Amino acid sequence: MKIWGKLLINNRIVKDKVVLFDEDKNYEDNLKNSILEICKEFDIEIPYWLPSNEKEYAVRKKTIFTQDNFIDEFKFDKFIIEEIDLDDK
């Protein structure tokens, strides 16, 4: 599995990164570590998971973070994470 992180401004991807899961770790640890790595690469704070994000990710394996998920102001419109299969991207 992979997690694909994207920063969007005006519906255009300005930054993206794909992180591979470590087969020796469980799913939750992999997801957490992937998000941490992507946020560090993008130089953004770690977003808060709201109930709507949890529901969306559980159903679609994708969620969109907006200003509501961050304390600090940011210069992008959306931060998206999406689980992709190894055969994708």
PDB file of N, CA and C in Angstrom:
ATOM      1  N   MET A   1       0.832  -1.191   0.000  1.00  0.00           N
ATOM      2  CA  MET A   1       0.000   0.000   0.000  1.00  0.00           C
ATOM      3  C   MET A   1       0.870   1.246   0.000  1.00  0.00           C
ATOM      4  N   LYS A   2       0.252   2.309  -0.464  1.00  0.00           N
ATOM      5  CA  LYS A   2       0.901   3.612  -0.494  1.00  0.00           C
ATOM      6  C   LYS A   2      -0.096   4.668  -0.036  1.00  0.00           C
ATOM      7  N   ILE A   3       0.441   5.765   0.485  1.00  0.00           N
ATOM      8  CA  ILE A   3      -0.371   6.943   0.766  1.00  0.00           C
ATOM      9  C   ILE A   3       0.141   8.056  -0.128  1.00  0.00           C
ATOM     10  N   TRP A   4      -0.788   8.675  -0.837  1.00  0.00           N
ATOM     11  CA  TRP A   4      -0.448   9.780  -1.730  1.00  0.00           C
ATOM     12  C   TRP A   4      -0.955  11.062  -1.095  1.00  0.00           C
ATOM     13  N   GLY A   5      -0.052  11.980  -0.786  1.00  0.00           N
ATOM     14  CA  GLY A   5      -0.416  13.269  -0.222  1.00  0.00           C
ATOM     15  C   GLY A   5      -0.299  14.350  -1.278  1.00  0.00           C
ATOM     16  N   LYS A   6      -1.266  15.280  -1.297  1.00  0.00           N
ATOM     17  CA  LYS A   6      -1.277  16.348  -2.298  1.00  0.00           C
ATOM     18  C   LYS A   6      -1.670  17.664  -1.647  1.00  0.00           C
ATOM     19  N   LEU A   7      -0.981  18.741  -2.032  1.00  0.00           N
ATOM     20  CA  LEU A   7      -1.381  20.093  -1.666  1.00  0.00           C
ATOM     21  C   LEU A   7      -1.965  20.741  -2.907  1.00  0.00           C
ATOM     22  N   LEU A   8      -3.132  21.349  -2.771  1.00  0.00           N
ATOM     23  CA  LEU A   8      -3.790  21.984  -3.909  1.00  0.00           C
ATOM     24  C   LEU A   8      -4.014  23.469  -3.678  1.00  0.00           C
ATOM     25  N   ILE A   9      -3.768  24.229  -4.735  1.00  0.00           N
ATOM     26  CA  ILE A   9      -4.114  25.647  -4.782  1.00  0.00           C
ATOM     27  C   ILE A   9      -4.897  25.851  -6.069  1.00  0.00           C
ATOM     28  N   ASN A  10      -6.090  26.427  -5.962  1.00  0.00           N
ATOM     29  CA  ASN A  10      -6.965  26.635  -7.123  1.00  0.00           C
ATOM     30  C   ASN A  10      -7.168  25.339  -7.913  1.00  0.00           C
ATOM     31  N   ASN A  11      -7.389  24.244  -7.191  1.00  0.00           N
ATOM     32  CA  ASN A  11      -7.639  22.917  -7.775  1.00  0.00           C
ATOM     33  C   ASN A  11      -6.490  22.381  -8.619  1.00  0.00           C
ATOM     34  N   ARG A  12      -5.283  22.868  -8.358  1.00  0.00           N
ATOM     35  CA  ARG A  12      -4.087  22.365  -9.039  1.00  0.00           C
ATOM     36  C   ARG A  12      -3.127  21.820  -7.991  1.00  0.00           C
ATOM     37  N   ILE A  13      -2.547  20.675  -8.289  1.00  0.00           N
ATOM     38  CA  ILE A  13      -1.572  20.081  -7.376  1.00  0.00           C
ATOM     39  C   ILE A  13      -0.278  20.887  -7.449  1.00  0.00           C
ATOM     40  N   VAL A  14       0.136  21.443  -6.309  1.00  0.00           N
ATOM     41  CA  VAL A  14       1.388  22.202  -6.263  1.00  0.00           C
ATOM     42  C   VAL A  14       2.514  21.390  -5.631  1.00  0.00           C
ATOM     43  N   LYS A  15       2.154  20.393  -4.823  1.00  0.00           N
ATOM     44  CA  LYS A  15       3.119  19.472  -4.231  1.00  0.00           C
ATOM     45  C   LYS A  15       2.440  18.128  -4.076  1.00  0.00           C
ATOM     46  N   ASP A  16       3.212  17.055  -4.279  1.00  0.00           N
ATOM     47  CA  ASP A  16       2.678  15.739  -3.974  1.00  0.00           C
ATOM     48  C   ASP A  16       3.816  14.812  -3.584  1.00  0.00           C
ATOM     49  N   LYS A  17       3.455  13.787  -2.849  1.00  0.00           N
ATOM     50  CA  LYS A  17       4.432  12.815  -2.371  1.00  0.00           C
ATOM     51  C   LYS A  17       3.709  11.498  -2.135  1.00  0.00           C
ATOM     52  N   VAL A  18       4.386  10.414  -2.494  1.00  0.00           N
ATOM     53  CA  VAL A  18       3.864   9.071  -2.263  1.00  0.00           C
ATOM     54  C   VAL A  18       4.778   8.384  -1.255  1.00  0.00           C
ATOM     55  N   VAL A  19       4.164   7.776  -0.230  1.00  0.00           N
ATOM     56  CA  VAL A  19       4.907   7.067   0.811  1.00  0.00           C
ATOM     57  C   VAL A  19       4.451   5.617   0.831  1.00  0.00           C
ATOM     58  N   LEU A  20       5.410   4.712   0.773  1.00  0.00           N
ATOM     59  CA  LEU A  20       5.130   3.276   0.837  1.00  0.00           C
ATOM     60  C   LEU A  20       4.928   2.830   2.273  1.00  0.00           C
ATOM     61  N   PHE A  21       3.992   1.917   2.485  1.00  0.00           N
ATOM     62  CA  PHE A  21       3.800   1.321   3.804  1.00  0.00           C
ATOM     63  C   PHE A  21       4.953   0.372   4.113  1.00  0.00           C
ATOM     64  N   ASP A  22       5.317   0.306   5.369  1.00  0.00           N
ATOM     65  CA  ASP A  22       6.310  -0.642   5.859  1.00  0.00           C
ATOM     66  C   ASP A  22       5.569  -1.927   6.222  1.00  0.00           C
ATOM     67  N   GLU A  23       5.901  -3.018   5.569  1.00  0.00           N
ATOM     68  CA  GLU A  23       5.174  -4.273   5.780  1.00  0.00           C
ATOM     69  C   GLU A  23       5.304  -4.821   7.202  1.00  0.00           C
ATOM     70  N   ASP A  24       6.293  -4.357   7.951  1.00  0.00           N
ATOM     71  CA  ASP A  24       6.501  -4.831   9.314  1.00  0.00           C
ATOM     72  C   ASP A  24       5.640  -4.101  10.342  1.00  0.00           C
ATOM     73  N   LYS A  25       4.951  -3.038   9.930  1.00  0.00           N
ATOM     74  CA  LYS A  25       4.125  -2.254  10.858  1.00  0.00           C
ATOM     75  C   LYS A  25       2.651  -2.483  10.558  1.00  0.00           C
ATOM     76  N   ASN A  26       1.820  -2.209  11.573  1.00  0.00           N
ATOM     77  CA  ASN A  26       0.378  -2.355  11.363  1.00  0.00           C
ATOM     78  C   ASN A  26      -0.173  -1.166  10.568  1.00  0.00           C
ATOM     79  N   TYR A  27      -1.413  -1.275  10.141  1.00  0.00           N
ATOM     80  CA  TYR A  27      -2.025  -0.277   9.262  1.00  0.00           C
ATOM     81  C   TYR A  27      -2.042   1.114   9.905  1.00  0.00           C
ATOM     82  N   GLU A  28      -2.477   1.208  11.144  1.00  0.00           N
ATOM     83  CA  GLU A  28      -2.588   2.512  11.805  1.00  0.00           C
ATOM     84  C   GLU A  28      -1.236   3.192  11.948  1.00  0.00           C
ATOM     85  N   ASP A  29      -0.204   2.427  12.326  1.00  0.00           N
ATOM     86  CA  ASP A  29       1.141   3.002  12.435  1.00  0.00           C
ATOM     87  C   ASP A  29       1.646   3.468  11.077  1.00  0.00           C
ATOM     88  N   ASN A  30       1.396   2.677  10.047  1.00  0.00           N
ATOM     89  CA  ASN A  30       1.797   3.058   8.698  1.00  0.00           C
ATOM     90  C   ASN A  30       1.111   4.346   8.259  1.00  0.00           C
ATOM     91  N   LEU A  31      -0.177   4.448   8.504  1.00  0.00           N
ATOM     92  CA  LEU A  31      -0.923   5.639   8.112  1.00  0.00           C
ATOM     93  C   LEU A  31      -0.383   6.865   8.846  1.00  0.00           C
ATOM     94  N   LYS A  32      -0.201   6.731  10.149  1.00  0.00           N
ATOM     95  CA  LYS A  32       0.311   7.843  10.952  1.00  0.00           C
ATOM     96  C   LYS A  32       1.697   8.272  10.471  1.00  0.00           C
ATOM     97  N   ASN A  33       2.594   7.311  10.282  1.00  0.00           N
ATOM     98  CA  ASN A  33       3.957   7.632   9.845  1.00  0.00           C
ATOM     99  C   ASN A  33       3.973   8.239   8.447  1.00  0.00           C
ATOM    100  N   SER A  34       3.094   7.762   7.580  1.00  0.00           N
ATOM    101  CA  SER A  34       3.014   8.305   6.219  1.00  0.00           C
ATOM    102  C   SER A  34       2.588   9.770   6.254  1.00  0.00           C
ATOM    103  N   ILE A  35       1.575  10.074   7.048  1.00  0.00           N
ATOM    104  CA  ILE A  35       1.100  11.459   7.152  1.00  0.00           C
ATOM    105  C   ILE A  35       2.181  12.345   7.754  1.00  0.00           C
ATOM    106  N   LEU A  36       2.867  11.855   8.777  1.00  0.00           N
ATOM    107  CA  LEU A  36       3.964  12.634   9.380  1.00  0.00           C
ATOM    108  C   LEU A  36       5.050  12.937   8.350  1.00  0.00           C
ATOM    109  N   GLU A  37       5.424  11.937   7.569  1.00  0.00           N
ATOM    110  CA  GLU A  37       6.467  12.125   6.557  1.00  0.00           C
ATOM    111  C   GLU A  37       6.030  13.122   5.483  1.00  0.00           C
ATOM    112  N   ILE A  38       4.792  13.012   5.040  1.00  0.00           N
ATOM    113  CA  ILE A  38       4.278  13.933   4.019  1.00  0.00           C
ATOM    114  C   ILE A  38       4.223  15.358   4.554  1.00  0.00           C
ATOM    115  N   CYS A  39       3.721  15.541   5.767  1.00  0.00           N
ATOM    116  CA  CYS A  39       3.631  16.877   6.355  1.00  0.00           C
ATOM    117  C   CYS A  39       5.022  17.486   6.539  1.00  0.00           C
ATOM    118  N   LYS A  40       5.975  16.683   6.934  1.00  0.00           N
ATOM    119  CA  LYS A  40       7.343  17.176   7.089  1.00  0.00           C
ATOM    120  C   LYS A  40       7.898  17.614   5.734  1.00  0.00           C
ATOM    121  N   GLU A  41       7.680  16.812   4.712  1.00  0.00           N
ATOM    122  CA  GLU A  41       8.144  17.139   3.355  1.00  0.00           C
ATOM    123  C   GLU A  41       7.502  18.430   2.856  1.00  0.00           C
ATOM    124  N   PHE A  42       6.211  18.618   3.125  1.00  0.00           N
ATOM    125  CA  PHE A  42       5.482  19.795   2.669  1.00  0.00           C
ATOM    126  C   PHE A  42       5.678  21.001   3.593  1.00  0.00           C
ATOM    127  N   ASP A  43       6.327  20.792   4.740  1.00  0.00           N
ATOM    128  CA  ASP A  43       6.551  21.831   5.740  1.00  0.00           C
ATOM    129  C   ASP A  43       5.223  22.435   6.213  1.00  0.00           C
ATOM    130  N   ILE A  44       4.296  21.538   6.570  1.00  0.00           N
ATOM    131  CA  ILE A  44       3.005  21.962   7.120  1.00  0.00           C
ATOM    132  C   ILE A  44       2.784  21.236   8.451  1.00  0.00           C
ATOM    133  N   GLU A  45       1.918  21.795   9.265  1.00  0.00           N
ATOM    134  CA  GLU A  45       1.597  21.134  10.517  1.00  0.00           C
ATOM    135  C   GLU A  45       0.725  19.902  10.253  1.00  0.00           C
ATOM    136  N   ILE A  46       0.668  19.040  11.220  1.00  0.00           N
ATOM    137  CA  ILE A  46      -0.134  17.827  11.109  1.00  0.00           C
ATOM    138  C   ILE A  46      -1.602  18.211  11.315  1.00  0.00           C
ATOM    139  N   PRO A  47      -2.478  17.803  10.399  1.00  0.00           N
ATOM    140  CA  PRO A  47      -3.891  18.190  10.518  1.00  0.00           C
ATOM    141  C   PRO A  47      -4.611  17.412  11.618  1.00  0.00           C
ATOM    142  N   TYR A  48      -5.634  18.041  12.147  1.00  0.00           N
ATOM    143  CA  TYR A  48      -6.529  17.360  13.082  1.00  0.00           C
ATOM    144  C   TYR A  48      -7.534  16.550  12.286  1.00  0.00           C
ATOM    145  N   TRP A  49      -7.743  15.309  12.726  1.00  0.00           N
ATOM    146  CA  TRP A  49      -8.761  14.461  12.103  1.00  0.00           C
ATOM    147  C   TRP A  49     -10.095  14.764  12.769  1.00  0.00           C
ATOM    148  N   LEU A  50     -11.011  15.309  12.008  1.00  0.00           N
ATOM    149  CA  LEU A  50     -12.355  15.561  12.496  1.00  0.00           C
ATOM    150  C   LEU A  50     -13.213  14.326  12.196  1.00  0.00           C
ATOM    151  N   PRO A  51     -14.349  14.179  12.868  1.00  0.00           N
ATOM    152  CA  PRO A  51     -15.207  13.020  12.596  1.00  0.00           C
ATOM    153  C   PRO A  51     -15.538  12.855  11.108  1.00  0.00           C
ATOM    154  N   SER A  52     -15.698  13.965  10.401  1.00  0.00           N
ATOM    155  CA  SER A  52     -16.006  13.880   8.963  1.00  0.00           C
ATOM    156  C   SER A  52     -14.833  13.270   8.188  1.00  0.00           C
ATOM    157  N   ASN A  53     -13.593  13.577   8.601  1.00  0.00           N
ATOM    158  CA  ASN A  53     -12.422  12.983   7.944  1.00  0.00           C
ATOM    159  C   ASN A  53     -12.358  11.481   8.203  1.00  0.00           C
ATOM    160  N   GLU A  54     -12.641  11.099   9.433  1.00  0.00           N
ATOM    161  CA  GLU A  54     -12.594   9.674   9.773  1.00  0.00           C
ATOM    162  C   GLU A  54     -13.623   8.886   8.963  1.00  0.00           C
ATOM    163  N   LYS A  55     -14.829   9.422   8.861  1.00  0.00           N
ATOM    164  CA  LYS A  55     -15.882   8.746   8.096  1.00  0.00           C
ATOM    165  C   LYS A  55     -15.512   8.671   6.617  1.00  0.00           C
ATOM    166  N   GLU A  56     -15.057   9.786   6.076  1.00  0.00           N
ATOM    167  CA  GLU A  56     -14.698   9.834   4.657  1.00  0.00           C
ATOM    168  C   GLU A  56     -13.559   8.854   4.350  1.00  0.00           C
ATOM    169  N   TYR A  57     -12.539   8.820   5.203  1.00  0.00           N
ATOM    170  CA  TYR A  57     -11.404   7.930   4.961  1.00  0.00           C
ATOM    171  C   TYR A  57     -11.828   6.464   5.091  1.00  0.00           C
ATOM    172  N   ALA A  58     -12.683   6.171   6.038  1.00  0.00           N
ATOM    173  CA  ALA A  58     -13.142   4.793   6.227  1.00  0.00           C
ATOM    174  C   ALA A  58     -13.907   4.277   5.002  1.00  0.00           C
ATOM    175  N   VAL A  59     -14.655   5.155   4.365  1.00  0.00           N
ATOM    176  CA  VAL A  59     -15.470   4.758   3.215  1.00  0.00           C
ATOM    177  C   VAL A  59     -14.676   4.801   1.910  1.00  0.00           C
ATOM    178  N   ARG A  60     -13.923   5.886   1.694  1.00  0.00           N
ATOM    179  CA  ARG A  60     -13.292   6.120   0.393  1.00  0.00           C
ATOM    180  C   ARG A  60     -11.785   5.905   0.373  1.00  0.00           C
ATOM    181  N   LYS A  61     -11.171   5.698   1.545  1.00  0.00           N
ATOM    182  CA  LYS A  61      -9.705   5.619   1.657  1.00  0.00           C
ATOM    183  C   LYS A  61      -9.060   6.889   1.115  1.00  0.00           C
ATOM    184  N   LYS A  62      -9.752   8.002   1.349  1.00  0.00           N
ATOM    185  CA  LYS A  62      -9.297   9.316   0.908  1.00  0.00           C
ATOM    186  C   LYS A  62      -9.985  10.341   1.793  1.00  0.00           C
ATOM    187  N   THR A  63      -9.269  11.420   2.142  1.00  0.00           N
ATOM    188  CA  THR A  63      -9.915  12.500   2.878  1.00  0.00           C
ATOM    189  C   THR A  63      -9.256  13.820   2.525  1.00  0.00           C
ATOM    190  N   ILE A  64     -10.029  14.886   2.680  1.00  0.00           N
ATOM    191  CA  ILE A  64      -9.576  16.231   2.344  1.00  0.00           C
ATOM    192  C   ILE A  64      -9.526  17.054   3.620  1.00  0.00           C
ATOM    193  N   PHE A  65      -8.360  17.651   3.862  1.00  0.00           N
ATOM    194  CA  PHE A  65      -8.180  18.543   4.997  1.00  0.00           C
ATOM    195  C   PHE A  65      -8.217  19.986   4.498  1.00  0.00           C
ATOM    196  N   THR A  66      -8.974  20.821   5.205  1.00  0.00           N
ATOM    197  CA  THR A  66      -9.073  22.240   4.875  1.00  0.00           C
ATOM    198  C   THR A  66      -8.610  23.049   6.084  1.00  0.00           C
ATOM    199  N   GLN A  67      -8.797  24.336   6.036  1.00  0.00           N
ATOM    200  CA  GLN A  67      -8.367  25.207   7.135  1.00  0.00           C
ATOM    201  C   GLN A  67      -8.955  24.767   8.478  1.00  0.00           C
ATOM    202  N   ASP A  68     -10.128  24.158   8.469  1.00  0.00           N
ATOM    203  CA  ASP A  68     -10.758  23.690   9.706  1.00  0.00           C
ATOM    204  C   ASP A  68      -9.921  22.637  10.435  1.00  0.00           C
ATOM    205  N   ASN A  69      -9.028  21.980   9.718  1.00  0.00           N
ATOM    206  CA  ASN A  69      -8.213  20.915  10.294  1.00  0.00           C
ATOM    207  C   ASN A  69      -6.872  21.403  10.835  1.00  0.00           C
ATOM    208  N   PHE A  70      -6.609  22.687  10.717  1.00  0.00           N
ATOM    209  CA  PHE A  70      -5.322  23.242  11.126  1.00  0.00           C
ATOM    210  C   PHE A  70      -5.514  24.415  12.080  1.00  0.00           C
ATOM    211  N   ILE A  71      -4.557  24.613  12.951  1.00  0.00           N
ATOM    212  CA  ILE A  71      -4.592  25.770  13.848  1.00  0.00           C
ATOM    213  C   ILE A  71      -4.046  26.994  13.127  1.00  0.00           C
ATOM    214  N   ASP A  72      -2.885  26.816  12.475  1.00  0.00           N
ATOM    215  CA  ASP A  72      -2.244  27.925  11.768  1.00  0.00           C
ATOM    216  C   ASP A  72      -2.904  28.171  10.416  1.00  0.00           C
ATOM    217  N   GLU A  73      -2.781  29.400   9.941  1.00  0.00           N
ATOM    218  CA  GLU A  73      -3.225  29.723   8.588  1.00  0.00           C
ATOM    219  C   GLU A  73      -2.246  29.088   7.609  1.00  0.00           C
ATOM    220  N   PHE A  74      -2.725  28.748   6.434  1.00  0.00           N
ATOM    221  CA  PHE A  74      -1.837  28.184   5.430  1.00  0.00           C
ATOM    222  C   PHE A  74      -2.114  28.801   4.071  1.00  0.00           C
ATOM    223  N   LYS A  75      -1.183  28.588   3.147  1.00  0.00           N
ATOM    224  CA  LYS A  75      -1.264  29.234   1.841  1.00  0.00           C
ATOM    225  C   LYS A  75      -1.719  28.268   0.745  1.00  0.00           C
ATOM    226  N   PHE A  76      -2.456  27.250   1.104  1.00  0.00           N
ATOM    227  CA  PHE A  76      -2.994  26.318   0.125  1.00  0.00           C
ATOM    228  C   PHE A  76      -4.469  26.118   0.418  1.00  0.00           C
ATOM    229  N   ASP A  77      -5.176  25.558  -0.547  1.00  0.00           N
ATOM    230  CA  ASP A  77      -6.626  25.381  -0.392  1.00  0.00           C
ATOM    231  C   ASP A  77      -6.982  24.071   0.302  1.00  0.00           C
ATOM    232  N   LYS A  78      -6.279  22.994  -0.092  1.00  0.00           N
ATOM    233  CA  LYS A  78      -6.607  21.669   0.435  1.00  0.00           C
ATOM    234  C   LYS A  78      -5.350  20.831   0.579  1.00  0.00           C
ATOM    235  N   PHE A  79      -5.394  19.952   1.563  1.00  0.00           N
ATOM    236  CA  PHE A  79      -4.387  18.910   1.720  1.00  0.00           C
ATOM    237  C   PHE A  79      -5.167  17.604   1.645  1.00  0.00           C
ATOM    238  N   ILE A  80      -4.815  16.761   0.696  1.00  0.00           N
ATOM    239  CA  ILE A  80      -5.541  15.518   0.468  1.00  0.00           C
ATOM    240  C   ILE A  80      -4.608  14.338   0.696  1.00  0.00           C
ATOM    241  N   ILE A  81      -5.108  13.327   1.402  1.00  0.00           N
ATOM    242  CA  ILE A  81      -4.382  12.064   1.473  1.00  0.00           C
ATOM    243  C   ILE A  81      -5.290  10.990   0.890  1.00  0.00           C
ATOM    244  N   GLU A  82      -4.645  10.052   0.214  1.00  0.00           N
ATOM    245  CA  GLU A  82      -5.397   9.011  -0.468  1.00  0.00           C
ATOM    246  C   GLU A  82      -4.586   7.727  -0.461  1.00  0.00           C
ATOM    247  N   GLU A  83      -5.244   6.644  -0.107  1.00  0.00           N
ATOM    248  CA  GLU A  83      -4.591   5.338  -0.164  1.00  0.00           C
ATOM    249  C   GLU A  83      -4.653   4.840  -1.600  1.00  0.00           C
ATOM    250  N   ILE A  84      -3.520   4.395  -2.109  1.00  0.00           N
ATOM    251  CA  ILE A  84      -3.491   3.857  -3.462  1.00  0.00           C
ATOM    252  C   ILE A  84      -2.849   2.482  -3.446  1.00  0.00           C
ATOM    253  N   ASP A  85      -3.221   1.668  -4.422  1.00  0.00           N
ATOM    254  CA  ASP A  85      -2.645   0.329  -4.539  1.00  0.00           C
ATOM    255  C   ASP A  85      -1.241   0.424  -5.095  1.00  0.00           C
ATOM    256  N   LEU A  86      -0.464  -0.609  -4.868  1.00  0.00           N
ATOM    257  CA  LEU A  86       0.904  -0.635  -5.363  1.00  0.00           C
ATOM    258  C   LEU A  86       0.975  -0.552  -6.882  1.00  0.00           C
ATOM    259  N   ASP A  87      -0.080  -0.955  -7.570  1.00  0.00           N
ATOM    260  CA  ASP A  87      -0.083  -0.906  -9.034  1.00  0.00           C
ATOM    261  C   ASP A  87      -0.393   0.493  -9.574  1.00  0.00           C
ATOM    262  N   ASP A  88      -0.932   1.377  -8.714  1.00  0.00           N
ATOM    263  CA  ASP A  88      -1.274   2.749  -9.130  1.00  0.00           C
ATOM    264  C   ASP A  88      -0.057   3.650  -9.010  1.00  0.00           C
ATOM    265  N   LYS A  89      -0.142   4.783  -9.659  1.00  0.00           N
ATOM    266  CA  LYS A  89       0.855   5.867  -9.646  1.00  0.00           C
ATOM    267  C   LYS A  89       2.264   5.389  -9.597  1.00  0.00           C
TER     268      LYS A  89
END
